Amino acid sequence: MLSYWEKQSLLQYDYIIIGSGIVGLSAAVSLKEREPLARVLVLEREVLPTGASTKNAGFACIGSLTEILADLQAMPAEVVLNLVATRRAGLQLLRRRLGDDRIGYRENGSFELIGEQEEWALHRLDEVNRMLEPLFEGQPAFSPASENIAAFGFAPANVKALVRNHFEGELHTGKMMRALIDLAIEKGVEIKTGCPVSRFEDLHTGVNVIVPNHVLKEEVVFAARKLLVCTNAFTRQLLPEEDVIPGRGQVLITDPVPGLRFKGIFHLEEGFYYFRELDGRVLMGGGRHLDFAGETSADFSFNDRIQHELEELLRHTILPQQPFTVADRWTGIMAFGNNKQPIVRAYTKNILLGVRMGGMGVAIGSMIGEQLANM
C-alpha cells in the first residue's frame, strides 16, 4: 500500500537513530553538527520517550560520596575516575549546548545524608577528594556540612552528618527535553513517534530498519548508511543477547509543603534514595535496592512496598515535623548491567550501540551521543 512517492523519497536517510531520549537526540544533534546536510531520522516507538529521559528527578550529578566508595570496592580507581569524568564532561556539554536558562539549571546545593551505618565514609572523604582532584582543578569535591541538619529540618536521630558535593546541580527535566527536541528540529533532524522498530538488518552496504504499519498492514522499511541503537532499558527487546538489564525507579512528588526549609538535591544510601525541592514540593525517588528482583522490570507499574517506604522516609527523616500529601507518582525505567560502564561500541559494521546508562543518563547522555557521532 505504500505509494511510489513514499518509496522513492520518504524512506531513505544517511543516519537512523532508534530512541528519542537524551542519548538518541544528543547523537542526532552531534551528527548534524558534524554533517549539516546529512539526513538524520530518529524513530521513537511511543508518543513520548518511554524510559527515563522524561521521568528522571532532574539531578545533574556526578556521584555521592558513599556511591563512589561503593564503586571503588567493585572497580579499579582509574575506572571510577573515568566514570566521574564522563559524567562531568557530559553535564558540561549539555549545559553548553542548551544553556542553563533553557534547562532550568540551578545550583542550590547538593548534599548526602549520612546515617549511622554510613558514618565510616566520613573517614575516607579526604581520600576521595585527593583521587578526584585532577578532575576539579585541585578543588575538593566533598566537604562536611553537618551544620545544616537542623536548618534543613531533618531528623537528627536518623541523620548523623551531611556531606556537600560542590560540583552538582539540578535541572528541570521537562525543559531539558523540550530544549533538546527543539534543537534537534532546528538542525533539521526528523523525529517520528509511534514507530516501534521490530527488527533491523545490516546489508553491509547499508542498514534496513523495519517498522510495522498496522493501518496499511505491511512493514515500512527505512534505509540508512548507519544505524544508532539508543534504546537503553529496552535494548533486549531488539538485541536479547546484550548485557542490559532494566531497572525500574519509583518516584513521588508532594503537594507544596508550607515553610519547606531546604533547597537543592539530596542523596541517601549510595544514591539508592534521592530527593529534591521543586517549586516548594518534595520530589522523592529510589528504593530499588529494597526489591532488586521486583524492580528488574520494564513494566510501568508501582511497587507498593517501595512507594510506602518513600513516604516513611519523608515522614520520619526528611519532613519529621511537617505534614505533607502526595500529589502524584510515576515510574521510569533505567538500564544496568554487570558493571556501571555504558555500552558504546560497534555491533556490526554499520550498527552502533549507545545503551546502558546506569541511571546516569542526564549526566552522561550528551557525551555518549557525541561519542556515537564521532564513531
Protein backbone atom coordinates (compact mmCIF):
# COMPACT_ATOMS: atom_id res chain seq x y z
CA MET A 1 0.00 0.00 0.00
CA LEU A 2 2.98 2.35 0.18
CA SER A 3 2.93 4.68 -2.80
CA TYR A 4 5.63 5.09 -5.42
CA TRP A 5 6.32 8.58 -4.00
CA GLU A 6 6.78 7.31 -0.46
CA LYS A 7 9.14 4.56 -1.54
CA GLN A 8 11.15 6.97 -3.71
CA SER A 9 11.52 9.94 -1.37
CA LEU A 10 10.44 9.36 2.24
CA LEU A 11 12.27 6.25 3.44
CA GLN A 12 15.97 6.95 2.72
CA TYR A 13 18.36 8.53 5.24
CA ASP A 14 22.04 8.85 5.99
CA TYR A 15 21.60 8.01 9.68
CA ILE A 16 18.75 6.44 11.62
CA ILE A 17 18.62 6.50 15.41
CA ILE A 18 16.29 4.28 17.44
CA GLY A 19 15.20 6.04 20.62
CA SER A 20 14.37 9.71 21.19
CA GLY A 21 15.70 10.03 24.73
CA ILE A 22 18.71 12.05 25.82
CA VAL A 23 21.25 9.80 24.09
CA GLY A 24 19.34 9.46 20.83
CA LEU A 25 18.60 13.17 20.44
CA SER A 26 22.13 14.12 21.52
CA ALA A 27 23.58 11.77 18.91
CA ALA A 28 21.29 13.28 16.27
CA VAL A 29 22.37 16.82 17.16
CA SER A 30 26.04 15.83 17.17
CA LEU A 31 25.68 14.19 13.75
CA LYS A 32 24.06 17.33 12.30
CA GLU A 33 26.83 19.47 13.80
CA ARG A 34 29.39 17.28 12.02
CA GLU A 35 27.40 16.86 8.77
CA PRO A 36 24.79 19.63 8.40
CA LEU A 37 23.50 18.23 5.09
CA ALA A 38 23.07 14.66 6.34
CA ARG A 39 19.53 13.30 6.57
CA VAL A 40 19.04 12.14 10.15
CA LEU A 41 15.94 10.29 11.37
CA VAL A 42 15.03 9.48 14.97
CA LEU A 43 12.45 6.74 15.49
CA GLU A 44 10.52 6.64 18.79
CA ARG A 45 8.15 3.80 19.50
CA GLU A 46 5.74 5.83 21.68
CA VAL A 47 4.28 9.34 21.67
CA LEU A 48 6.94 10.46 24.20
CA PRO A 49 10.34 8.98 25.11
CA THR A 50 9.42 5.93 27.12
CA GLY A 51 12.22 5.01 29.53
CA ALA A 52 13.75 7.51 31.92
CA SER A 53 14.66 10.62 29.90
CA THR A 54 11.37 12.40 30.68
CA LYS A 55 10.80 10.70 34.05
CA ASN A 56 14.04 11.27 35.99
CA ALA A 57 14.41 13.54 39.01
CA GLY A 58 16.47 16.21 37.23
CA PHE A 59 19.72 15.60 39.11
CA ALA A 60 22.82 16.95 37.39
CA CYS A 61 25.06 14.69 39.44
CA ILE A 62 28.48 13.02 39.31
CA GLY A 63 28.05 10.63 42.26
CA SER A 64 27.70 10.85 46.03
CA LEU A 65 30.49 10.06 48.47
CA THR A 66 29.12 6.65 49.50
CA GLU A 67 28.31 5.76 45.88
CA ILE A 68 31.87 6.48 44.78
CA LEU A 69 33.23 4.48 47.73
CA ALA A 70 30.96 1.57 46.79
CA ASP A 71 32.21 1.80 43.20
CA LEU A 72 35.82 1.68 44.43
CA GLN A 73 35.07 -1.66 46.06
CA ALA A 74 33.82 -3.07 42.75
CA MET A 75 36.07 -1.38 40.18
CA PRO A 76 39.67 -0.10 39.87
CA ALA A 77 40.20 3.53 40.86
CA GLU A 78 41.03 4.58 37.29
CA VAL A 79 37.71 3.18 36.05
CA VAL A 80 35.79 5.04 38.76
CA LEU A 81 37.70 8.22 37.95
CA ASN A 82 36.85 7.83 34.27
CA LEU A 83 33.14 7.37 35.09
CA VAL A 84 33.10 10.56 37.16
CA ALA A 85 34.99 12.40 34.41
CA THR A 86 32.45 11.26 31.80
CA ARG A 87 29.57 12.49 33.99
CA ARG A 88 31.28 15.83 34.49
CA ALA A 89 32.06 16.25 30.78
CA GLY A 90 28.55 15.17 29.79
CA LEU A 91 26.93 17.74 32.07
CA GLN A 92 29.22 20.46 30.76
CA LEU A 93 28.29 19.56 27.17
CA LEU A 94 24.57 19.50 28.00
CA ARG A 95 24.72 22.93 29.65
CA ARG A 96 26.88 24.43 26.91
CA ARG A 97 24.69 23.07 24.14
CA LEU A 98 21.28 24.03 25.57
CA GLY A 99 22.06 26.84 28.02
CA ASP A 100 21.33 26.92 31.74
CA ASP A 101 18.22 29.07 31.43
CA ARG A 102 16.57 26.80 28.85
CA ILE A 103 17.00 23.70 31.01
CA GLY A 104 16.29 25.36 34.36
CA TYR A 105 19.76 24.57 35.68
CA ARG A 106 20.42 25.78 39.23
CA GLU A 107 23.00 25.16 41.95
CA ASN A 108 21.04 25.27 45.20
CA GLY A 109 23.37 22.80 46.85
CA SER A 110 23.93 19.06 46.66
CA PHE A 111 24.11 17.02 49.85
CA GLU A 112 24.29 13.43 51.03
CA LEU A 113 22.54 12.41 54.24
CA ILE A 114 24.78 10.15 56.31
CA GLY A 115 23.08 7.73 58.69
CA GLU A 116 24.67 5.67 61.42
CA GLN A 117 25.57 2.86 59.02
CA GLU A 118 27.38 5.27 56.65
CA GLU A 119 29.41 7.24 59.22
CA TRP A 120 32.52 5.25 58.28
CA ALA A 121 32.51 7.02 54.91
CA LEU A 122 33.35 10.34 56.57
CA HIS A 123 36.81 8.99 57.41
CA ARG A 124 37.53 8.47 53.69
CA LEU A 125 36.29 11.85 52.49
CA ASP A 126 39.80 13.31 52.14
CA GLU A 127 40.96 10.20 50.29
CA VAL A 128 38.17 10.53 47.71
CA ASN A 129 38.86 14.26 47.34
CA ARG A 130 42.50 13.53 46.56
CA MET A 131 41.51 10.95 43.96
CA LEU A 132 39.14 13.39 42.26
CA GLU A 133 41.47 16.43 42.39
CA PRO A 134 42.64 16.09 38.75
CA LEU A 135 39.03 16.46 37.54
CA PHE A 136 38.28 19.59 39.54
CA GLU A 137 41.50 21.60 39.22
CA GLY A 138 42.60 20.78 42.73
CA GLN A 139 39.32 21.81 44.34
CA PRO A 140 37.72 19.39 46.85
CA ALA A 141 34.60 17.69 45.54
CA PHE A 142 33.20 16.98 49.02
CA SER A 143 33.15 18.82 52.32
CA PRO A 144 31.37 18.31 55.68
CA ALA A 145 28.10 20.24 56.01
CA SER A 146 26.50 18.84 59.16
CA GLU A 147 25.71 22.34 60.45
CA ASN A 148 22.77 22.32 58.01
CA ILE A 149 20.95 19.34 59.53
CA ALA A 150 18.89 21.44 61.94
CA ALA A 151 18.40 24.28 59.45
CA PHE A 152 17.00 21.86 56.86
CA GLY A 153 14.67 20.31 59.43
CA PHE A 154 15.94 16.73 59.11
CA ALA A 155 15.50 14.28 61.97
CA PRO A 156 18.81 14.33 63.91
CA ALA A 157 18.20 10.82 65.21
CA ASN A 158 18.37 9.48 61.64
CA VAL A 159 20.79 11.95 60.01
CA LYS A 160 24.17 11.86 61.72
CA ALA A 161 26.03 14.02 59.21
CA LEU A 162 25.70 15.88 55.90
CA VAL A 163 28.30 15.91 53.12
CA ARG A 164 28.19 18.59 50.45
CA ASN A 165 29.14 17.97 46.81
CA HIS A 166 30.45 21.19 45.23
CA PHE A 167 30.07 20.08 41.60
CA GLU A 168 26.44 19.05 41.30
CA GLY A 169 23.27 20.93 40.42
CA GLU A 170 19.67 20.45 39.42
CA LEU A 171 17.64 20.99 36.27
CA HIS A 172 14.06 20.86 35.02
CA THR A 173 13.74 17.56 33.16
CA GLY A 174 10.77 18.71 31.06
CA LYS A 175 12.51 21.92 29.97
CA MET A 176 15.70 20.00 29.19
CA MET A 177 13.91 17.53 26.92
CA ARG A 178 11.87 20.32 25.29
CA ALA A 179 15.09 22.23 24.56
CA LEU A 180 16.81 19.12 23.20
CA ILE A 181 13.86 18.32 20.93
CA ASP A 182 13.69 21.93 19.71
CA LEU A 183 17.43 21.98 18.98
CA ALA A 184 17.26 18.73 17.03
CA ILE A 185 14.35 20.01 14.93
CA GLU A 186 16.11 23.34 14.41
CA LYS A 187 19.11 21.49 12.99
CA GLY A 188 16.91 19.53 10.59
CA VAL A 189 16.58 16.22 12.44
CA GLU A 190 13.36 14.32 11.67
CA ILE A 191 11.63 12.74 14.66
CA LYS A 192 8.91 10.17 14.01
CA THR A 193 6.91 8.95 17.01
CA GLY A 194 4.66 5.91 17.20
CA CYS A 195 7.27 3.89 15.28
CA PRO A 196 8.12 0.68 17.16
CA VAL A 197 11.05 -0.95 15.37
CA SER A 198 10.53 -4.69 15.05
CA ARG A 199 13.99 -5.54 13.67
CA PHE A 200 16.88 -4.26 11.58
CA GLU A 201 19.31 -5.75 9.07
CA ASP A 202 22.89 -4.83 8.24
CA LEU A 203 23.20 -5.34 4.48
CA HIS A 204 26.92 -4.34 4.55
CA THR A 205 26.23 -1.56 2.05
CA GLY A 206 23.72 -0.05 4.47
CA VAL A 207 21.04 -0.87 7.03
CA ASN A 208 17.32 -1.58 6.77
CA VAL A 209 15.13 -0.68 9.74
CA ILE A 210 11.68 -2.29 9.78
CA VAL A 211 8.63 -0.66 11.39
CA PRO A 212 5.22 -2.41 11.14
CA ASN A 213 2.36 -0.27 9.82
CA HIS A 214 -0.87 -1.63 11.28
CA VAL A 215 -3.12 0.58 9.17
CA LEU A 216 -1.58 -0.45 5.85
CA LYS A 217 -0.99 -3.98 7.17
CA GLU A 218 2.56 -4.08 5.88
CA GLU A 219 6.08 -3.35 7.01
CA VAL A 220 7.71 0.01 6.33
CA VAL A 221 11.40 -0.40 5.51
CA PHE A 222 13.58 2.61 6.23
CA ALA A 223 17.10 2.58 4.76
CA ALA A 224 20.26 4.29 6.03
CA ARG A 225 24.03 4.19 5.80
CA LYS A 226 24.37 3.74 9.56
CA LEU A 227 22.07 2.84 12.44
CA LEU A 228 22.48 4.00 16.04
CA VAL A 229 20.64 1.99 18.70
CA CYS A 230 19.90 4.24 21.71
CA THR A 231 17.13 2.26 23.39
CA ASN A 232 18.76 1.92 26.85
CA ALA A 233 16.48 -0.20 29.09
CA PHE A 234 14.58 -1.68 26.15
CA THR A 235 17.63 -2.84 24.20
CA ARG A 236 17.00 -6.54 24.84
CA GLN A 237 13.69 -6.34 23.01
CA LEU A 238 15.78 -5.87 19.86
CA LEU A 239 19.09 -7.45 20.95
CA PRO A 240 18.29 -10.11 23.57
CA GLU A 241 21.92 -11.17 23.96
CA GLU A 242 23.15 -7.80 25.26
CA ASP A 243 24.03 -7.28 28.94
CA VAL A 244 21.35 -4.64 29.51
CA ILE A 245 19.02 -5.21 32.46
CA PRO A 246 16.03 -2.90 33.01
CA GLY A 247 15.77 -1.29 36.44
CA ARG A 248 12.57 0.45 37.44
CA GLY A 249 12.64 3.62 39.54
CA GLN A 250 9.73 4.63 41.79
CA VAL A 251 9.04 8.36 42.19
CA LEU A 252 6.55 10.52 44.05
CA ILE A 253 6.03 14.26 44.44
CA THR A 254 4.22 16.05 47.24
CA ASP A 255 1.86 18.97 47.13
CA PRO A 256 3.58 22.25 48.13
CA VAL A 257 4.87 21.99 51.70
CA PRO A 258 4.34 25.24 53.63
CA GLY A 259 7.59 26.52 55.12
CA LEU A 260 9.78 23.92 53.43
CA ARG A 261 13.23 24.50 54.90
CA PHE A 262 15.61 23.19 52.26
CA LYS A 263 16.50 23.64 48.62
CA GLY A 264 18.82 21.66 46.41
CA ILE A 265 19.30 17.96 45.70
CA PHE A 266 19.96 15.20 48.21
CA HIS A 267 21.20 11.58 48.17
CA LEU A 268 21.00 8.75 50.69
CA GLU A 269 22.40 5.22 50.87
CA GLU A 270 24.82 5.20 47.91
CA GLY A 271 22.33 7.17 45.83
CA PHE A 272 19.63 4.50 46.01
CA TYR A 273 17.36 7.14 47.56
CA TYR A 274 17.22 10.73 46.34
CA PHE A 275 15.04 13.77 46.84
CA ARG A 276 14.91 17.45 45.98
CA GLU A 277 12.91 20.62 46.42
CA LEU A 278 10.86 21.51 43.35
CA ASP A 279 8.52 24.51 43.30
CA GLY A 280 8.04 24.22 47.06
CA ARG A 281 7.31 20.49 46.78
CA VAL A 282 9.48 17.49 47.60
CA LEU A 283 10.24 15.07 44.79
CA MET A 284 11.35 11.73 46.24
CA GLY A 285 12.51 8.61 44.45
CA GLY A 286 14.52 5.42 44.59
CA GLY A 287 14.38 2.39 46.84
CA ARG A 288 15.22 -0.08 44.07
CA HIS A 289 17.65 -1.82 46.44
CA LEU A 290 14.70 -2.87 48.63
CA ASP A 291 13.46 -5.21 45.89
CA PHE A 292 16.04 -5.70 43.16
CA ALA A 293 14.19 -8.69 41.71
CA GLY A 294 10.82 -6.93 41.60
CA GLU A 295 12.30 -3.75 40.12
CA THR A 296 14.20 -5.61 37.39
CA SER A 297 11.30 -4.88 35.11
CA ALA A 298 10.35 -2.86 32.05
CA ASP A 299 6.74 -2.75 33.21
CA PHE A 300 5.47 0.70 34.21
CA SER A 301 3.75 -0.21 37.46
CA PHE A 302 4.01 0.76 41.11
CA ASN A 303 5.81 -1.23 43.77
CA ASP A 304 3.58 -0.68 46.79
CA ARG A 305 6.28 -1.61 49.28
CA ILE A 306 8.78 0.87 47.85
CA GLN A 307 6.21 3.63 47.48
CA HIS A 308 5.32 3.10 51.15
CA GLU A 309 9.00 3.26 52.18
CA LEU A 310 9.45 6.52 50.27
CA GLU A 311 6.61 8.04 52.25
CA GLU A 312 8.01 6.68 55.51
CA LEU A 313 11.41 8.20 54.77
CA LEU A 314 9.74 11.54 54.13
CA ARG A 315 7.66 11.26 57.30
CA HIS A 316 10.38 10.19 59.73
CA THR A 317 13.64 11.61 58.34
CA ILE A 318 13.14 14.40 55.81
CA LEU A 319 9.93 16.11 56.94
CA PRO A 320 9.59 14.85 60.54
CA GLN A 321 7.66 17.86 61.82
CA GLN A 322 5.81 18.82 58.64
CA PRO A 323 2.60 17.24 57.34
CA PHE A 324 2.50 16.55 53.61
CA THR A 325 0.29 14.99 50.97
CA VAL A 326 1.39 13.10 47.88
CA ALA A 327 0.26 14.83 44.69
CA ASP A 328 1.50 12.38 42.06
CA ARG A 329 3.50 9.22 41.46
CA TRP A 330 5.24 7.68 38.45
CA THR A 331 7.91 5.21 37.45
CA GLY A 332 10.81 5.34 35.00
CA ILE A 333 12.85 2.51 33.51
CA MET A 334 16.65 2.71 33.66
CA ALA A 335 19.27 0.24 32.38
CA PHE A 336 22.03 -1.56 34.26
CA GLY A 337 24.49 -4.39 33.70
CA ASN A 338 27.34 -6.31 35.28
CA ASN A 339 29.25 -3.04 35.69
CA LYS A 340 28.46 0.69 35.63
CA GLN A 341 30.15 1.43 32.33
CA PRO A 342 27.82 2.25 29.43
CA ILE A 343 27.92 0.15 26.28
CA VAL A 344 29.27 2.28 23.44
CA ARG A 345 30.54 0.12 20.60
CA ALA A 346 30.01 -1.16 17.10
CA TYR A 347 27.53 -4.04 16.95
CA THR A 348 28.20 -4.64 13.26
CA LYS A 349 29.97 -2.62 10.59
CA ASN A 350 27.01 -0.27 10.16
CA ILE A 351 25.20 -0.58 13.52
CA LEU A 352 26.38 1.19 16.68
CA LEU A 353 25.14 0.80 20.25
CA GLY A 354 24.88 3.55 22.87
CA VAL A 355 22.96 1.95 25.74
CA ARG A 356 23.04 1.05 29.47
CA MET A 357 23.32 4.46 31.12
CA GLY A 358 23.28 3.03 34.65
CA GLY A 359 20.81 5.60 35.96
CA MET A 360 23.13 8.46 34.93
CA GLY A 361 21.56 9.39 31.59
CA VAL A 362 21.20 13.08 32.43
CA ALA A 363 24.91 13.28 33.24
CA ILE A 364 26.41 11.10 30.51
CA GLY A 365 23.76 11.07 27.77
CA SER A 366 25.11 14.06 25.84
CA MET A 367 28.66 12.69 25.88
CA ILE A 368 27.55 9.21 24.81
CA GLY A 369 25.68 10.78 21.89
CA GLU A 370 28.80 12.71 20.95
CA GLN A 371 30.92 9.55 21.08
CA LEU A 372 28.48 7.73 18.82
CA ALA A 373 28.57 10.57 16.29
CA ASN A 374 32.37 10.53 16.33
CA MET A 375 32.36 6.78 15.75
